[in-house]
Amino acid sequence: MLETYGHKRFWPMKEFQRRGADGENETKEVYRDMTTGEVHHPIDKDGNDLGWNGSPTPLPSGEKLPVMSRSFRDHYDDIRWHK
């Protein structure tokens, strides 16, 4: 069963945007709401992308923002995802 309560409701993910001129994938740091499947792109009041530094959405009372350590962010691309 997927745990979706508390801070486990929002999962940090990288969303594919396009392939760059050098052939590398260009991605965006987003949060996926695991209860609804919605993808949230955190931005500040000026419209700048905040990625995982931002809140996925105004959180309901009692919900916590996921905690991403610097190590998690630095090594995200090294994660071996199961297909």
Protein backbone atom coordinates (compact mmCIF):
# COMPACT_ATOMS: atom_id res chain seq x y z
CA MET A 1 0.00 0.00 0.00
CA LEU A 2 1.29 3.44 -0.93
CA GLU A 3 1.82 5.69 2.06
CA THR A 4 0.28 9.08 1.31
CA TYR A 5 -0.25 10.65 4.74
CA GLY A 6 1.78 13.50 6.23
CA HIS A 7 4.98 14.38 4.41
CA LYS A 8 4.78 11.20 2.30
CA ARG A 9 1.83 12.62 0.33
CA PHE A 10 4.09 14.74 -1.92
CA TRP A 11 6.95 12.97 -3.68
CA PRO A 12 9.82 14.90 -5.26
CA MET A 13 10.34 13.95 -8.89
CA LYS A 14 12.02 15.23 -12.00
CA GLU A 15 9.63 15.84 -14.89
CA PHE A 16 10.97 15.43 -18.41
CA GLN A 17 10.77 18.68 -20.41
CA ARG A 18 12.67 18.00 -23.66
CA ARG A 19 15.99 16.87 -25.06
CA GLY A 20 18.65 19.57 -25.17
CA ALA A 21 20.86 20.40 -28.15
CA ASP A 22 23.49 18.02 -26.77
CA GLY A 23 20.95 15.15 -26.53
CA GLU A 24 20.73 15.27 -22.73
CA ASN A 25 17.33 15.17 -21.02
CA GLU A 26 16.20 18.50 -19.61
CA THR A 27 14.08 18.08 -16.49
CA LYS A 28 12.25 20.21 -13.95
CA GLU A 29 12.07 19.57 -10.19
CA VAL A 30 8.42 19.00 -9.26
CA TYR A 31 6.26 17.42 -6.57
CA ARG A 32 3.62 14.76 -7.36
CA ASP A 33 0.61 14.55 -5.06
CA MET A 34 0.34 10.80 -4.54
CA THR A 35 -3.33 11.03 -3.53
CA THR A 36 -4.52 12.80 -6.70
CA GLY A 37 -1.68 12.31 -9.18
CA GLU A 38 -1.40 16.07 -9.75
CA VAL A 39 2.02 17.52 -10.52
CA HIS A 40 2.95 20.78 -8.75
CA HIS A 41 5.57 23.22 -10.10
CA PRO A 42 6.53 25.48 -7.17
CA ILE A 43 7.08 29.11 -8.21
CA ASP A 44 7.60 32.29 -6.22
CA LYS A 45 5.46 35.44 -6.41
CA ASP A 46 7.55 36.70 -9.35
CA GLY A 47 7.01 33.50 -11.34
CA ASN A 48 10.52 32.10 -10.81
CA ASP A 49 10.83 28.31 -10.63
CA LEU A 50 11.69 27.16 -7.09
CA GLY A 51 11.92 23.42 -7.72
CA TRP A 52 12.26 21.39 -4.53
CA ASN A 53 13.05 24.54 -2.52
CA GLY A 54 9.39 25.56 -2.80
CA SER A 55 6.18 24.19 -1.33
CA PRO A 56 4.18 21.96 -3.68
CA THR A 57 0.94 23.80 -2.93
CA PRO A 58 -0.66 25.60 -0.01
CA LEU A 59 -0.79 22.65 2.36
CA PRO A 60 -3.88 21.78 4.38
CA SER A 61 -3.64 22.02 8.14
CA GLY A 62 -1.50 19.21 9.54
CA GLU A 63 0.30 18.42 6.26
CA LYS A 64 4.08 18.71 6.22
CA LEU A 65 6.40 19.65 3.37
CA PRO A 66 8.67 16.79 2.27
CA VAL A 67 12.21 17.14 3.57
CA MET A 68 14.85 16.91 0.86
CA SER A 69 18.39 16.75 2.17
CA ARG A 70 21.26 18.27 0.20
CA SER A 71 22.60 14.73 -0.30
CA PHE A 72 19.27 13.60 -1.80
CA ARG A 73 19.28 16.51 -4.23
CA ASP A 74 22.93 16.04 -5.19
CA HIS A 75 22.53 12.31 -5.89
CA TYR A 76 19.01 12.22 -7.39
CA ASP A 77 20.34 11.46 -10.88
CA ASP A 78 22.23 8.43 -9.48
CA ILE A 79 19.03 6.72 -8.27
CA ARG A 80 18.45 3.44 -10.11
CA TRP A 81 14.68 3.43 -10.72
CA HIS A 82 12.93 0.09 -11.30
CA LYS A 83 10.95 -0.18 -14.52
